[in-house]
Amino acid sequence: MRHVISTALACGVLLAGATACGPGAERKVSGGAPGAASARPGQTLGGRLPGVGDRMWSQVPADTGQAVVVYGEHPDSPDSFVVLYEKRDSTWVRTASWPAHNGRLGWTDDHRMDDEQSPVGVFTLTDAGGALADPGSRLRYWRDDHAYATMLPPGPAHTHDFDYVIAIDYNRLQGVPPFDWSRPDGVETGGGIWLHLDHGDGTSACVTVPEAGMKTLLRTLDPARHPVVVMGDRERLSL
């Protein structure tokens, strides 16, 4: 299963071999998650992911035991909030959260390469890597400092963007490095969409979190628990 919801996007790695997760206008993030804004880490939240409506919830596989939910602030905003949930018995537990960024022009249900929007959807998470040594990833990890360095956008703000990355399984083959350029659904639908280190601003379509968050995700997400990312603006997530 390459992806659970078929949407179109183009974030980090373009065919030219460069990413465009660059700067945009800086905005404040309110944080929190719908239905769980006051939830504490470790708090039991019930049998459903907070703020996720019927349409999105129906796309989460029944065997999923870990979910990274990206709550976009607004359809046109680059600001978001990421929450890691883990299923324990029949209930979901919020275990970690971080301020985050998404596409600098917000979110879309029909992403195209270079539109600077992140896709709304549910996608599996199977492969990881980075320019730095494996910090203890449970997902298969490919280290290649040269490959990731050649894809960095220009400017000192992006020096560490790809220290750690987790590939979002949109229009990509599973079981290959995140920087693999295969596009099973066509080049025009984009690819190279990752979770990676935050640089303090919007991206071309990737989702970014602080370094501590990336390390936590790498060390926590377990292939045996079939992790997914559920991502979109709050309004569409609630549908």
Protein backbone atom coordinates (compact mmCIF):
# COMPACT_ATOMS: atom_id res chain seq x y z
CA MET A 1 0.00 0.00 0.00
CA ARG A 2 1.79 3.14 -1.21
CA HIS A 3 -0.71 5.47 0.37
CA VAL A 4 -4.13 5.30 1.93
CA ILE A 5 -5.73 8.40 0.44
CA SER A 6 -4.73 9.26 -3.11
CA THR A 7 -3.93 12.98 -3.23
CA ALA A 8 -1.45 14.88 -5.33
CA LEU A 9 1.56 16.72 -3.97
CA ALA A 10 5.12 17.77 -4.48
CA CYS A 11 7.28 18.73 -1.54
CA GLY A 12 10.91 18.13 -0.91
CA VAL A 13 12.67 16.26 -3.68
CA LEU A 14 12.00 17.50 -7.19
CA LEU A 15 13.22 15.84 -10.35
CA ALA A 16 15.86 18.52 -10.61
CA GLY A 17 17.29 17.11 -7.41
CA ALA A 18 16.52 20.04 -5.12
CA THR A 19 13.97 20.68 -2.41
CA ALA A 20 11.91 23.79 -1.99
CA CYS A 21 10.99 23.70 1.69
CA GLY A 22 12.09 27.29 2.00
CA PRO A 23 11.06 30.42 3.88
CA GLY A 24 7.69 32.12 3.96
CA ALA A 25 5.91 34.63 6.15
CA GLU A 26 6.31 33.95 9.87
CA ARG A 27 3.09 33.36 11.83
CA LYS A 28 2.08 32.40 15.33
CA VAL A 29 0.77 28.92 16.10
CA SER A 30 -2.05 28.46 18.57
CA GLY A 31 -1.21 24.80 19.24
CA GLY A 32 -3.39 22.10 20.69
CA ALA A 33 -5.58 19.52 19.04
CA PRO A 34 -9.34 19.68 18.50
CA GLY A 35 -11.08 17.78 21.25
CA ALA A 36 -7.81 17.36 23.09
CA ALA A 37 -6.41 20.86 23.58
CA SER A 38 -6.07 20.25 27.29
CA ALA A 39 -4.96 16.64 26.99
CA ARG A 40 -1.76 15.85 28.83
CA PRO A 41 0.90 13.45 27.54
CA GLY A 42 -0.13 10.00 28.66
CA GLN A 43 -3.81 10.91 28.94
CA THR A 44 -6.28 8.35 27.60
CA LEU A 45 -8.46 9.87 24.87
CA GLY A 46 -10.85 7.07 23.90
CA GLY A 47 -11.25 4.90 20.84
CA ARG A 48 -10.87 7.58 18.19
CA LEU A 49 -8.25 10.17 17.25
CA PRO A 50 -9.35 13.63 18.46
CA GLY A 51 -10.45 16.07 15.80
CA VAL A 52 -10.59 13.38 13.08
CA GLY A 53 -14.01 13.03 11.43
CA ASP A 54 -15.73 10.11 9.74
CA ARG A 55 -14.20 10.58 6.28
CA MET A 56 -10.63 10.74 7.52
CA TRP A 57 -11.11 8.16 10.25
CA SER A 58 -12.40 5.61 7.71
CA GLN A 59 -9.01 5.79 5.96
CA VAL A 60 -7.00 4.81 9.04
CA PRO A 61 -6.23 1.07 8.75
CA ALA A 62 -7.72 -1.09 11.49
CA ASP A 63 -4.29 -2.48 12.41
CA THR A 64 -2.72 0.95 12.94
CA GLY A 65 -1.35 1.33 16.45
CA GLN A 66 0.49 4.64 16.04
CA ALA A 67 -0.68 7.85 14.39
CA VAL A 68 1.06 11.16 13.79
CA VAL A 69 -1.72 13.74 13.40
CA VAL A 70 -0.85 17.07 11.79
CA TYR A 71 -3.45 19.68 12.75
CA GLY A 72 -3.13 22.56 10.29
CA GLU A 73 -4.14 25.92 11.74
CA HIS A 74 -6.06 27.06 8.65
CA PRO A 75 -6.52 25.95 5.02
CA ASP A 76 -4.17 28.73 3.84
CA SER A 77 -1.72 28.72 6.76
CA PRO A 78 1.78 27.19 7.01
CA ASP A 79 1.40 26.72 10.76
CA SER A 80 0.38 23.45 12.33
CA PHE A 81 0.58 21.31 15.44
CA VAL A 82 1.77 17.68 15.45
CA VAL A 83 0.57 15.12 17.98
CA LEU A 84 1.81 11.55 18.35
CA TYR A 85 -0.89 9.12 19.46
CA GLU A 86 -0.39 5.47 20.38
CA LYS A 87 -3.09 2.87 20.77
CA ARG A 88 -3.08 0.96 24.02
CA ASP A 89 -5.64 -1.83 24.21
CA SER A 90 -8.69 -0.21 22.57
CA THR A 91 -7.92 3.44 23.40
CA TRP A 92 -5.67 6.11 21.95
CA VAL A 93 -3.16 7.87 24.17
CA ARG A 94 -1.50 11.19 23.41
CA THR A 95 2.21 10.61 24.02
CA ALA A 96 3.98 13.68 22.56
CA SER A 97 3.32 16.91 20.64
CA TRP A 98 5.21 19.74 18.93
CA PRO A 99 4.59 23.01 17.07
CA ALA A 100 5.12 22.42 13.37
CA HIS A 101 4.96 23.82 9.84
CA ASN A 102 3.43 22.62 6.59
CA GLY A 103 3.24 23.98 3.03
CA ARG A 104 3.68 27.75 2.94
CA LEU A 105 0.37 28.16 1.07
CA GLY A 106 -1.52 25.77 3.33
CA TRP A 107 -3.37 22.59 2.38
CA THR A 108 -5.03 21.02 -0.66
CA ASP A 109 -7.05 17.97 -1.68
CA ASP A 110 -5.44 18.06 -5.14
CA HIS A 111 -1.78 18.91 -4.74
CA ARG A 112 0.42 19.39 -7.80
CA MET A 113 4.17 19.70 -8.01
CA ASP A 114 5.42 23.13 -6.94
CA ASP A 115 2.04 24.41 -5.69
CA GLU A 116 3.54 24.93 -2.20
CA GLN A 117 0.63 23.22 -0.45
CA SER A 118 0.60 20.10 1.70
CA PRO A 119 -1.77 17.24 0.88
CA VAL A 120 -4.78 16.41 3.03
CA GLY A 121 -4.84 12.67 3.64
CA VAL A 122 -3.81 9.56 5.51
CA PHE A 123 -0.45 8.06 4.53
CA THR A 124 1.68 5.21 5.81
CA LEU A 125 5.15 5.77 7.28
CA THR A 126 7.68 3.06 6.41
CA ASP A 127 11.12 4.53 5.64
CA ALA A 128 13.50 7.05 7.19
CA GLY A 129 16.97 8.47 6.81
CA GLY A 130 19.08 11.56 7.09
CA ALA A 131 22.43 13.25 6.83
CA LEU A 132 23.29 12.21 10.40
CA ALA A 133 23.83 8.79 11.91
CA ASP A 134 20.80 6.72 12.87
CA PRO A 135 19.61 7.97 16.30
CA GLY A 136 17.91 4.65 17.04
CA SER A 137 15.18 4.53 14.41
CA ARG A 138 12.77 1.60 14.38
CA LEU A 139 11.91 2.41 10.77
CA ARG A 140 14.53 1.36 8.26
CA TYR A 141 17.07 4.19 8.14
CA TRP A 142 19.27 5.28 5.24
CA ARG A 143 22.14 7.63 6.07
CA ASP A 144 23.66 9.56 3.18
CA ASP A 145 25.04 12.98 4.02
CA HIS A 146 25.93 13.72 0.38
CA ALA A 147 22.49 12.85 -1.06
CA TYR A 148 20.63 14.94 1.49
CA ALA A 149 23.09 17.83 1.25
CA THR A 150 22.55 18.15 -2.50
CA MET A 151 18.80 18.55 -1.93
CA LEU A 152 18.95 21.32 0.67
CA PRO A 153 17.43 24.67 -0.29
CA PRO A 154 19.95 27.54 -0.30
CA GLY A 155 20.62 29.55 2.83
CA PRO A 156 21.97 28.91 6.32
CA ALA A 157 18.47 28.48 7.77
CA HIS A 158 18.20 25.14 5.97
CA THR A 159 21.57 23.62 6.89
CA HIS A 160 20.02 21.03 9.18
CA ASP A 161 16.65 20.45 7.49
CA PHE A 162 17.50 16.92 6.44
CA ASP A 163 19.56 15.78 9.41
CA TYR A 164 16.65 13.40 10.05
CA VAL A 165 13.73 12.65 7.74
CA ILE A 166 10.78 10.26 7.63
CA ALA A 167 9.28 9.65 4.20
CA ILE A 168 5.52 10.14 3.90
CA ASP A 169 4.28 7.40 1.59
CA TYR A 170 2.77 9.60 -1.06
CA ASN A 171 3.61 8.73 -4.67
CA ARG A 172 6.69 6.74 -3.68
CA LEU A 173 7.86 3.17 -3.48
CA GLN A 174 8.12 1.63 -0.04
CA GLY A 175 11.34 -0.01 1.08
CA VAL A 176 13.61 2.50 -0.66
CA PRO A 177 15.49 5.56 0.68
CA PRO A 178 13.41 8.73 1.18
CA PHE A 179 15.43 10.45 -1.57
CA ASP A 180 14.52 7.82 -4.17
CA TRP A 181 12.96 9.66 -7.13
CA SER A 182 10.54 6.97 -8.26
CA ARG A 183 7.05 8.42 -8.83
CA PRO A 184 4.59 5.55 -9.44
CA ASP A 185 1.65 7.94 -9.98
CA GLY A 186 3.51 10.31 -12.29
CA VAL A 187 5.91 13.20 -11.93
CA GLU A 188 3.17 15.83 -12.09
CA THR A 189 1.72 14.63 -8.79
CA GLY A 190 5.00 15.35 -7.03
CA GLY A 191 6.82 13.38 -4.38
CA GLY A 192 9.59 13.59 -1.85
CA ILE A 193 7.17 14.54 0.92
CA TRP A 194 8.81 14.16 4.28
CA LEU A 195 8.62 14.80 7.97
CA HIS A 196 11.88 16.61 8.69
CA LEU A 197 13.56 19.20 10.93
CA ASP A 198 11.83 22.53 11.28
CA HIS A 199 13.49 25.72 10.03
CA GLY A 200 10.93 28.05 11.57
CA ASP A 201 8.74 28.66 8.53
CA GLY A 202 6.54 27.12 5.83
CA THR A 203 7.65 24.49 3.32
CA SER A 204 6.85 23.39 -0.23
CA ALA A 205 4.64 20.60 1.17
CA CYS A 206 6.66 18.75 3.80
CA VAL A 207 5.78 18.79 7.50
CA THR A 208 8.50 19.96 9.88
CA VAL A 209 8.98 19.52 13.62
CA PRO A 210 11.80 20.39 16.06
CA GLU A 211 14.86 18.13 16.24
CA ALA A 212 13.72 16.59 19.53
CA GLY A 213 10.43 15.69 17.86
CA MET A 214 12.13 14.01 14.93
CA LYS A 215 14.28 11.93 17.26
CA THR A 216 11.24 10.94 19.28
CA LEU A 217 9.32 9.91 16.16
CA LEU A 218 12.25 7.91 14.79
CA ARG A 219 12.75 6.08 18.07
CA THR A 220 9.03 5.46 18.61
CA LEU A 221 7.40 4.67 15.27
CA ASP A 222 7.42 0.89 14.94
CA PRO A 223 6.78 -0.87 11.60
CA ALA A 224 5.05 -3.67 13.50
CA ARG A 225 2.44 -1.15 14.65
CA HIS A 226 1.73 0.10 11.10
CA PRO A 227 2.18 3.84 11.76
CA VAL A 228 0.41 6.46 9.66
CA VAL A 229 0.33 10.22 9.38
CA VAL A 230 -3.08 11.89 9.32
CA MET A 231 -2.62 15.41 7.98
CA GLY A 232 -4.62 18.43 6.95
CA ASP A 233 -6.16 21.66 8.13
CA ARG A 234 -8.44 21.31 11.15
CA GLU A 235 -11.62 21.89 9.16
CA ARG A 236 -10.97 19.09 6.68
CA LEU A 237 -9.58 16.77 9.31
CA SER A 238 -12.91 17.01 11.12
CA LEU A 239 -14.97 15.87 8.12
